[in-house]
């Protein structure tokens, strides 16, 4: 099962992934760490496509081996989300603008999400894990 935690920079993607991962016993890939390993800091449309495919490759490996996997990354367009092809989408809709203007301009609100977080509380990760674990 591939879980995408997406949203603007600074919305809390990594914060949520960090708390959700142990509750799901999931593999977890953070976009910044994956970019660092690939030494690829290209945020052009081509670079974002490459990153989405890179994250998909890592997630598919875990999913194909019957593991739950969480990937937290901006995944800013419907095209990059379609490429990644998640089973579950969690949208961190906690801020209206991130710190990078180019990302703000490019970001498309998702049409279909499984969980939409608009504000933080101490139970978001617990409630989401409980819902996901019902289906595992």
C-alpha atoms as a PDB file:
ATOM      1  CA  UNK A   1       0.000   0.000   0.000  1.00  0.00           C
ATOM      2  CA  UNK A   2       1.437   3.357  -1.099  1.00  0.00           C
ATOM      3  CA  UNK A   3       0.544   6.390   0.995  1.00  0.00           C
ATOM      4  CA  UNK A   4       1.257   9.863  -0.323  1.00  0.00           C
ATOM      5  CA  UNK A   5       1.468  12.670   2.218  1.00  0.00           C
ATOM      6  CA  UNK A   6       1.397  15.808   0.100  1.00  0.00           C
ATOM      7  CA  UNK A   7       1.145  19.555   0.551  1.00  0.00           C
ATOM      8  CA  UNK A   8       3.021  22.815   0.275  1.00  0.00           C
ATOM      9  CA  UNK A   9       6.474  23.239   1.837  1.00  0.00           C
ATOM     10  CA  UNK A  10       6.037  23.860   5.542  1.00  0.00           C
ATOM     11  CA  UNK A  11       2.569  22.289   5.763  1.00  0.00           C
ATOM     12  CA  UNK A  12       3.700  19.466   8.068  1.00  0.00           C
ATOM     13  CA  UNK A  13       4.235  16.522   5.728  1.00  0.00           C
ATOM     14  CA  UNK A  14       7.364  15.238   7.440  1.00  0.00           C
ATOM     15  CA  UNK A  15       5.912  15.919  10.893  1.00  0.00           C
ATOM     16  CA  UNK A  16       2.896  13.732  10.079  1.00  0.00           C
ATOM     17  CA  UNK A  17       4.947  11.006   8.371  1.00  0.00           C
ATOM     18  CA  UNK A  18       7.257  10.782  11.381  1.00  0.00           C
ATOM     19  CA  UNK A  19       4.303  10.144  13.687  1.00  0.00           C
ATOM     20  CA  UNK A  20       2.317   7.920  11.323  1.00  0.00           C
ATOM     21  CA  UNK A  21       5.177   5.608  10.318  1.00  0.00           C
ATOM     22  CA  UNK A  22       5.511   3.682  13.598  1.00  0.00           C
ATOM     23  CA  UNK A  23       1.736   3.308  13.947  1.00  0.00           C
ATOM     24  CA  UNK A  24       1.598   1.592  10.546  1.00  0.00           C
ATOM     25  CA  UNK A  25       4.966  -0.206  10.755  1.00  0.00           C
ATOM     26  CA  UNK A  26       5.583   1.368   7.363  1.00  0.00           C
ATOM     27  CA  UNK A  27       8.623   2.109   5.277  1.00  0.00           C
ATOM     28  CA  UNK A  28       9.046   5.863   4.890  1.00  0.00           C
ATOM     29  CA  UNK A  29      10.692   7.966   2.206  1.00  0.00           C
ATOM     30  CA  UNK A  30      11.127  11.701   2.683  1.00  0.00           C
ATOM     31  CA  UNK A  31      11.529  13.754  -0.505  1.00  0.00           C
ATOM     32  CA  UNK A  32      14.415  15.873   0.780  1.00  0.00           C
ATOM     33  CA  UNK A  33      16.389  12.809   1.833  1.00  0.00           C
ATOM     34  CA  UNK A  34      15.704  11.108  -1.503  1.00  0.00           C
ATOM     35  CA  UNK A  35      16.777  14.230  -3.424  1.00  0.00           C
ATOM     36  CA  UNK A  36      19.915  14.389  -1.286  1.00  0.00           C
ATOM     37  CA  UNK A  37      20.757  10.739  -2.047  1.00  0.00           C
ATOM     38  CA  UNK A  38      20.231  11.400  -5.756  1.00  0.00           C
ATOM     39  CA  UNK A  39      22.065  14.745  -5.541  1.00  0.00           C
ATOM     40  CA  UNK A  40      19.231  16.192  -7.614  1.00  0.00           C
ATOM     41  CA  UNK A  41      17.966  19.597  -6.499  1.00  0.00           C
ATOM     42  CA  UNK A  42      16.317  20.459  -9.826  1.00  0.00           C
ATOM     43  CA  UNK A  43      12.845  21.897  -9.221  1.00  0.00           C
ATOM     44  CA  UNK A  44      12.024  22.529 -12.875  1.00  0.00           C
ATOM     45  CA  UNK A  45       8.982  20.669 -14.269  1.00  0.00           C
ATOM     46  CA  UNK A  46      11.365  17.983 -15.549  1.00  0.00           C
ATOM     47  CA  UNK A  47      13.075  17.735 -12.158  1.00  0.00           C
ATOM     48  CA  UNK A  48       9.734  17.415 -10.396  1.00  0.00           C
ATOM     49  CA  UNK A  49       8.702  14.653 -12.811  1.00  0.00           C
ATOM     50  CA  UNK A  50      11.982  12.861 -12.166  1.00  0.00           C
ATOM     51  CA  UNK A  51      11.446  13.150  -8.405  1.00  0.00           C
ATOM     52  CA  UNK A  52       7.908  11.789  -8.640  1.00  0.00           C
ATOM     53  CA  UNK A  53       9.151   8.799 -10.638  1.00  0.00           C
ATOM     54  CA  UNK A  54      12.035   8.306  -8.202  1.00  0.00           C
ATOM     55  CA  UNK A  55       9.638   8.303  -5.250  1.00  0.00           C
ATOM     56  CA  UNK A  56       7.312   5.931  -7.149  1.00  0.00           C
ATOM     57  CA  UNK A  57      10.150   3.499  -7.789  1.00  0.00           C
ATOM     58  CA  UNK A  58      11.057   3.363  -4.101  1.00  0.00           C
ATOM     59  CA  UNK A  59       7.415   3.075  -3.037  1.00  0.00           C
ATOM     60  CA  UNK A  60       6.628   0.391  -5.626  1.00  0.00           C
ATOM     61  CA  UNK A  61       9.512  -1.749  -4.375  1.00  0.00           C
ATOM     62  CA  UNK A  62       8.182  -1.665  -0.807  1.00  0.00           C
ATOM     63  CA  UNK A  63       4.576  -2.114  -1.888  1.00  0.00           C
ATOM     64  CA  UNK A  64       5.483  -5.022  -4.184  1.00  0.00           C
ATOM     65  CA  UNK A  65       7.057  -6.675  -1.133  1.00  0.00           C
ATOM     66  CA  UNK A  66       3.818  -6.357   0.844  1.00  0.00           C
ATOM     67  CA  UNK A  67       4.903  -3.416   2.959  1.00  0.00           C
ATOM     68  CA  UNK A  68       3.002  -0.255   3.677  1.00  0.00           C
ATOM     69  CA  UNK A  69       5.056   2.696   2.487  1.00  0.00           C
ATOM     70  CA  UNK A  70       4.701   6.384   3.231  1.00  0.00           C
ATOM     71  CA  UNK A  71       6.172   8.990   0.894  1.00  0.00           C
ATOM     72  CA  UNK A  72       6.069  12.597   1.974  1.00  0.00           C
ATOM     73  CA  UNK A  73       6.645  15.087  -0.786  1.00  0.00           C
ATOM     74  CA  UNK A  74       5.037  18.141  -2.323  1.00  0.00           C
ATOM     75  CA  UNK A  75       3.793  16.279  -5.423  1.00  0.00           C
ATOM     76  CA  UNK A  76       2.447  19.626  -6.664  1.00  0.00           C
ATOM     77  CA  UNK A  77       0.512  18.776  -9.817  1.00  0.00           C
ATOM     78  CA  UNK A  78      -2.192  16.343 -10.843  1.00  0.00           C
ATOM     79  CA  UNK A  79       0.342  14.945 -13.329  1.00  0.00           C
ATOM     80  CA  UNK A  80       2.975  14.169 -10.677  1.00  0.00           C
ATOM     81  CA  UNK A  81       0.313  12.609  -8.440  1.00  0.00           C
ATOM     82  CA  UNK A  82      -0.954  10.479 -11.309  1.00  0.00           C
ATOM     83  CA  UNK A  83       2.616   9.345 -12.041  1.00  0.00           C
ATOM     84  CA  UNK A  84       3.211   8.410  -8.407  1.00  0.00           C
ATOM     85  CA  UNK A  85      -0.102   6.500  -8.345  1.00  0.00           C
ATOM     86  CA  UNK A  86      -0.808   6.345  -4.597  1.00  0.00           C
ATOM     87  CA  UNK A  87      -3.341   4.081  -2.954  1.00  0.00           C
ATOM     88  CA  UNK A  88      -4.033   6.682  -0.267  1.00  0.00           C
ATOM     89  CA  UNK A  89      -3.607  10.458  -0.471  1.00  0.00           C
ATOM     90  CA  UNK A  90      -3.261  12.575   2.652  1.00  0.00           C
ATOM     91  CA  UNK A  91      -3.342  16.296   1.872  1.00  0.00           C
ATOM     92  CA  UNK A  92      -1.842  18.678   4.379  1.00  0.00           C
ATOM     93  CA  UNK A  93      -3.992  21.706   3.625  1.00  0.00           C
ATOM     94  CA  UNK A  94      -2.678  23.606   6.645  1.00  0.00           C
ATOM     95  CA  UNK A  95      -1.176  26.636   4.876  1.00  0.00           C
ATOM     96  CA  UNK A  96      -2.188  28.668   1.841  1.00  0.00           C
ATOM     97  CA  UNK A  97       1.330  29.613   0.703  1.00  0.00           C
ATOM     98  CA  UNK A  98       4.666  27.917   1.151  1.00  0.00           C
ATOM     99  CA  UNK A  99       8.064  29.562   1.308  1.00  0.00           C
ATOM    100  CA  UNK A 100       8.850  29.037  -2.396  1.00  0.00           C
ATOM    101  CA  UNK A 101       6.979  31.244  -4.837  1.00  0.00           C
ATOM    102  CA  UNK A 102       7.597  28.937  -7.816  1.00  0.00           C
ATOM    103  CA  UNK A 103       6.000  26.041  -5.920  1.00  0.00           C
ATOM    104  CA  UNK A 104       3.047  28.189  -4.848  1.00  0.00           C
ATOM    105  CA  UNK A 105       2.363  29.079  -8.498  1.00  0.00           C
ATOM    106  CA  UNK A 106       2.719  25.480  -9.659  1.00  0.00           C
ATOM    107  CA  UNK A 107       0.740  23.795  -6.869  1.00  0.00           C
ATOM    108  CA  UNK A 108      -2.647  22.375  -7.867  1.00  0.00           C
ATOM    109  CA  UNK A 109      -5.085  21.442  -5.135  1.00  0.00           C
ATOM    110  CA  UNK A 110      -5.868  17.734  -5.394  1.00  0.00           C
ATOM    111  CA  UNK A 111      -9.318  16.726  -6.565  1.00  0.00           C
ATOM    112  CA  UNK A 112      -9.483  13.384  -4.754  1.00  0.00           C
ATOM    113  CA  UNK A 113      -7.998  12.824  -1.312  1.00  0.00           C
ATOM    114  CA  UNK A 114      -8.587  10.189   1.322  1.00  0.00           C
ATOM    115  CA  UNK A 115      -7.660  12.428   4.250  1.00  0.00           C
ATOM    116  CA  UNK A 116      -7.492  16.221   4.321  1.00  0.00           C
ATOM    117  CA  UNK A 117      -5.883  17.874   7.311  1.00  0.00           C
ATOM    118  CA  UNK A 118      -6.719  21.553   7.687  1.00  0.00           C
ATOM    119  CA  UNK A 119      -5.413  22.040  11.205  1.00  0.00           C
ATOM    120  CA  UNK A 120      -3.122  20.219  13.571  1.00  0.00           C
ATOM    121  CA  UNK A 121      -4.184  18.381  16.668  1.00  0.00           C
ATOM    122  CA  UNK A 122      -2.630  15.649  18.794  1.00  0.00           C
ATOM    123  CA  UNK A 123      -4.739  12.918  17.224  1.00  0.00           C
ATOM    124  CA  UNK A 124      -4.459  13.418  13.441  1.00  0.00           C
ATOM    125  CA  UNK A 125      -1.874  10.661  13.053  1.00  0.00           C
ATOM    126  CA  UNK A 126      -3.687   8.322  15.451  1.00  0.00           C
ATOM    127  CA  UNK A 127      -7.041   8.745  13.685  1.00  0.00           C
ATOM    128  CA  UNK A 128      -5.530   8.291  10.218  1.00  0.00           C
ATOM    129  CA  UNK A 129      -3.584   5.187  11.301  1.00  0.00           C
ATOM    130  CA  UNK A 130      -6.736   3.669  12.785  1.00  0.00           C
ATOM    131  CA  UNK A 131      -8.642   4.209   9.518  1.00  0.00           C
ATOM    132  CA  UNK A 132      -5.825   2.792   7.383  1.00  0.00           C
ATOM    133  CA  UNK A 133      -5.341  -0.212   9.674  1.00  0.00           C
ATOM    134  CA  UNK A 134      -9.041  -1.109   9.231  1.00  0.00           C
ATOM    135  CA  UNK A 135      -8.290  -1.844   5.572  1.00  0.00           C
ATOM    136  CA  UNK A 136      -5.000  -3.713   6.041  1.00  0.00           C
END
